[in-house]
Amino acid sequence: MHTDLPYYDYKPGCNLLHCLVQSTNPIGGENLIADGFYVAEQMRQHHPDEFRLLSETLVDWSDLGADEAGSFHSIYRAPVICVGRDGRLERINHSVPQRDSHFSVPIDRVEPWYRAMQRFVTILHREAVSFKTSPGDILTFSNVRMVHGRTGYTDTAGNTRHIVGAYLDWDEIYSKLRILKATSEVDSQQ
């Protein structure tokens, strides 16, 4: 499981996954989703030293490659668990493929950090909800709070899975909700 775009300082807050085609095999292809903030609070309450490691140790998150627009090399440095000055959780960063190989921490903190990370991931998987989307379903969730993934499936002829992802800012969503609310109130008064 992972969060999307951990290599960006600013990342869209809302993730949308639109299921166009779902695997016909009854086994595999299920979505997994877990509340990263809940897991972080469990760590803070029951494993405070490990919580501190994951919330204070800076990790390099990176994405390096090229696409039709050209080459890119994005890097953002932040802990797995981002905590605001007021102690509130602000963001979860977790994606094994996007965790850069460069890890500049004192040597005596490396193994404890990996143990803390292992506990965090174990709790994420224990708390994950599993379900299969159907064509037409759009799974919508917080991209800074929720950790998501899927179970494996066999991709063979006639057994494919096609999911299209998109992102929105919560500001745009809240703006549209306010407009819809105001419009419906005017309509109900007429």
Protein backbone atom coordinates (compact mmCIF):
# COMPACT_ATOMS: atom_id res chain seq x y z
CA MET A 1 0.00 0.00 0.00
CA HIS A 2 1.09 3.57 -0.57
CA THR A 3 0.19 7.24 -0.79
CA ASP A 4 0.40 8.92 -4.17
CA LEU A 5 2.85 11.69 -5.00
CA PRO A 6 5.00 11.67 -1.82
CA TYR A 7 7.77 13.31 -3.88
CA TYR A 8 5.81 16.61 -4.12
CA ASP A 9 5.88 19.34 -1.49
CA TYR A 10 2.34 20.24 -2.51
CA LYS A 11 0.14 17.39 -3.58
CA PRO A 12 -3.56 17.32 -4.38
CA GLY A 13 -5.60 16.32 -1.36
CA CYS A 14 -8.25 14.21 -3.07
CA ASN A 15 -7.54 11.02 -5.01
CA LEU A 16 -10.13 9.52 -7.37
CA LEU A 17 -9.83 6.01 -8.83
CA HIS A 18 -12.41 5.31 -11.54
CA CYS A 19 -12.96 1.62 -12.29
CA LEU A 20 -13.57 1.15 -16.02
CA VAL A 21 -12.92 -2.60 -16.22
CA GLN A 22 -12.63 -5.00 -13.29
CA SER A 23 -10.90 -8.37 -13.25
CA THR A 24 -13.44 -11.15 -13.78
CA ASN A 25 -11.46 -13.55 -11.62
CA PRO A 26 -13.16 -13.72 -8.22
CA ILE A 27 -9.72 -13.88 -6.57
CA GLY A 28 -7.51 -10.79 -6.64
CA GLY A 29 -7.82 -7.21 -7.80
CA GLU A 30 -9.41 -5.99 -4.55
CA ASN A 31 -8.75 -2.43 -3.43
CA LEU A 32 -7.03 -2.04 -0.07
CA ILE A 33 -7.41 1.15 1.92
CA ALA A 34 -6.35 2.10 5.45
CA ASP A 35 -6.53 5.28 7.50
CA GLY A 36 -2.91 6.39 7.87
CA PHE A 37 -3.85 8.98 10.51
CA TYR A 38 -5.52 6.29 12.64
CA VAL A 39 -2.43 4.09 12.37
CA ALA A 40 -0.16 7.05 13.21
CA GLU A 41 -2.26 7.79 16.32
CA GLN A 42 -1.98 4.12 17.33
CA MET A 43 1.79 4.43 16.98
CA ARG A 44 1.82 7.68 18.99
CA GLN A 45 -0.23 6.09 21.79
CA HIS A 46 1.29 2.59 21.97
CA HIS A 47 4.79 3.01 20.45
CA PRO A 48 5.79 6.64 21.12
CA ASP A 49 9.51 6.16 20.43
CA GLU A 50 8.78 4.61 17.03
CA PHE A 51 6.20 7.31 16.30
CA ARG A 52 8.86 9.92 17.05
CA LEU A 53 11.31 8.23 14.65
CA LEU A 54 8.74 8.18 11.84
CA SER A 55 7.64 11.76 12.48
CA GLU A 56 11.09 13.31 12.92
CA THR A 57 13.32 11.39 10.49
CA LEU A 58 13.47 13.04 7.08
CA VAL A 59 13.13 10.72 4.11
CA ASP A 60 13.90 11.58 0.49
CA TRP A 61 10.92 10.76 -1.75
CA SER A 62 11.74 10.86 -5.45
CA ASP A 63 10.40 10.23 -8.93
CA LEU A 64 12.84 10.16 -11.82
CA GLY A 65 12.00 9.44 -15.42
CA ALA A 66 10.57 10.78 -18.64
CA ASP A 67 7.19 10.96 -20.30
CA GLU A 68 5.73 12.66 -23.37
CA ALA A 69 6.35 16.07 -21.75
CA GLY A 70 10.06 15.37 -21.19
CA SER A 71 12.38 14.35 -18.38
CA PHE A 72 11.61 14.92 -14.71
CA HIS A 73 13.32 14.44 -11.35
CA SER A 74 11.06 15.29 -8.42
CA ILE A 75 12.35 15.14 -4.83
CA TYR A 76 10.64 16.05 -1.58
CA ARG A 77 12.17 15.57 1.86
CA ALA A 78 9.73 14.82 4.66
CA PRO A 79 9.02 12.22 7.34
CA VAL A 80 6.61 9.33 6.87
CA ILE A 81 4.30 10.92 9.46
CA CYS A 82 4.06 14.71 9.13
CA VAL A 83 2.94 16.52 12.28
CA GLY A 84 2.07 20.21 12.51
CA ARG A 85 3.34 22.60 15.17
CA ASP A 86 0.10 22.05 17.09
CA GLY A 87 0.71 18.27 17.19
CA ARG A 88 -2.03 17.46 14.69
CA LEU A 89 -1.33 15.00 11.90
CA GLU A 90 -1.01 16.72 8.53
CA ARG A 91 0.18 14.15 6.02
CA ILE A 92 1.32 10.56 5.55
CA ASN A 93 4.10 9.77 3.05
CA HIS A 94 4.51 6.13 2.17
CA SER A 95 5.55 4.54 -1.11
CA VAL A 96 8.37 2.01 -1.23
CA PRO A 97 9.17 2.58 -4.94
CA GLN A 98 9.36 6.34 -4.39
CA ARG A 99 11.52 6.20 -1.26
CA ASP A 100 14.91 7.30 -2.50
CA SER A 101 17.96 5.11 -1.86
CA HIS A 102 19.66 8.11 -0.22
CA PHE A 103 18.89 7.98 3.52
CA SER A 104 20.98 10.49 5.44
CA VAL A 105 20.42 9.60 9.08
CA PRO A 106 22.92 8.77 11.79
CA ILE A 107 23.89 5.10 11.58
CA ASP A 108 22.51 4.34 15.04
CA ARG A 109 19.02 5.42 13.88
CA VAL A 110 18.84 3.30 10.71
CA GLU A 111 17.80 -0.04 12.22
CA PRO A 112 15.38 1.50 14.74
CA TRP A 113 13.78 3.50 11.89
CA TYR A 114 13.30 0.35 9.81
CA ARG A 115 11.78 -1.46 12.81
CA ALA A 116 9.39 1.46 13.33
CA MET A 117 8.53 1.45 9.63
CA GLN A 118 7.89 -2.29 9.73
CA ARG A 119 5.48 -1.84 12.64
CA PHE A 120 3.71 1.03 10.84
CA VAL A 121 3.25 -1.05 7.67
CA THR A 122 2.12 -4.10 9.68
CA ILE A 123 -0.57 -2.04 11.42
CA LEU A 124 -1.62 -0.48 8.09
CA HIS A 125 -2.19 -3.92 6.60
CA ARG A 126 -4.00 -5.15 9.71
CA GLU A 127 -6.35 -2.14 9.60
CA ALA A 128 -6.88 -2.19 5.82
CA VAL A 129 -10.34 -2.66 4.37
CA SER A 130 -10.55 -4.81 1.25
CA PHE A 131 -13.24 -4.56 -1.43
CA LYS A 132 -13.62 -4.86 -5.17
CA THR A 133 -14.88 -1.96 -7.24
CA SER A 134 -17.21 -2.50 -10.19
CA PRO A 135 -17.12 -0.75 -13.56
CA GLY A 136 -18.46 2.77 -13.06
CA ASP A 137 -17.44 2.99 -9.39
CA ILE A 138 -15.22 5.90 -8.36
CA LEU A 139 -13.26 5.41 -5.16
CA THR A 140 -12.61 8.86 -3.65
CA PHE A 141 -10.37 9.44 -0.62
CA SER A 142 -7.90 11.79 1.03
CA ASN A 143 -4.50 11.56 -0.61
CA VAL A 144 -2.75 12.96 2.47
CA ARG A 145 -4.45 10.69 5.01
CA MET A 146 -5.38 7.38 3.42
CA VAL A 147 -2.97 4.68 2.27
CA HIS A 148 -4.18 2.51 -0.60
CA GLY A 149 -3.24 -0.37 -2.86
CA ARG A 150 -4.66 -3.55 -4.33
CA THR A 151 -4.26 -7.27 -4.12
CA GLY A 152 -2.58 -9.12 -6.96
CA TYR A 153 -4.50 -10.64 -9.84
CA THR A 154 -3.67 -12.65 -12.94
CA ASP A 155 -3.59 -10.39 -16.00
CA THR A 156 -4.44 -12.70 -18.87
CA ALA A 157 -6.41 -12.35 -22.09
CA GLY A 158 -10.00 -11.69 -21.10
CA ASN A 159 -9.07 -10.92 -17.49
CA THR A 160 -7.97 -7.31 -17.28
CA ARG A 161 -8.38 -4.48 -14.80
CA HIS A 162 -8.47 -0.84 -15.93
CA ILE A 163 -8.50 1.92 -13.33
CA VAL A 164 -8.11 5.60 -14.24
CA GLY A 165 -6.74 7.88 -11.53
CA ALA A 166 -7.27 11.61 -11.08
CA TYR A 167 -6.66 14.23 -8.41
CA LEU A 168 -8.59 17.25 -7.15
CA ASP A 169 -7.93 19.92 -4.58
CA TRP A 170 -10.30 19.92 -1.62
CA ASP A 171 -10.69 23.68 -2.12
CA GLU A 172 -12.34 23.02 -5.50
CA ILE A 173 -14.59 20.34 -4.04
CA TYR A 174 -15.70 22.53 -1.12
CA SER A 175 -16.32 25.45 -3.48
CA LYS A 176 -18.56 23.31 -5.69
CA LEU A 177 -20.44 21.97 -2.65
CA ARG A 178 -21.12 25.53 -1.46
CA ILE A 179 -22.41 26.51 -4.92
CA LEU A 180 -24.62 23.41 -5.10
CA LYS A 181 -25.98 24.08 -1.62
CA ALA A 182 -26.76 27.71 -2.44
CA THR A 183 -28.40 26.71 -5.73
CA SER A 184 -30.56 24.05 -4.07
CA GLU A 185 -31.66 26.51 -1.35
CA VAL A 186 -32.72 29.03 -4.01
CA ASP A 187 -34.55 26.32 -5.97
CA SER A 188 -36.42 25.13 -2.87
CA GLN A 189 -37.61 28.69 -2.12
CA GLN A 190 -39.20 29.12 -5.56
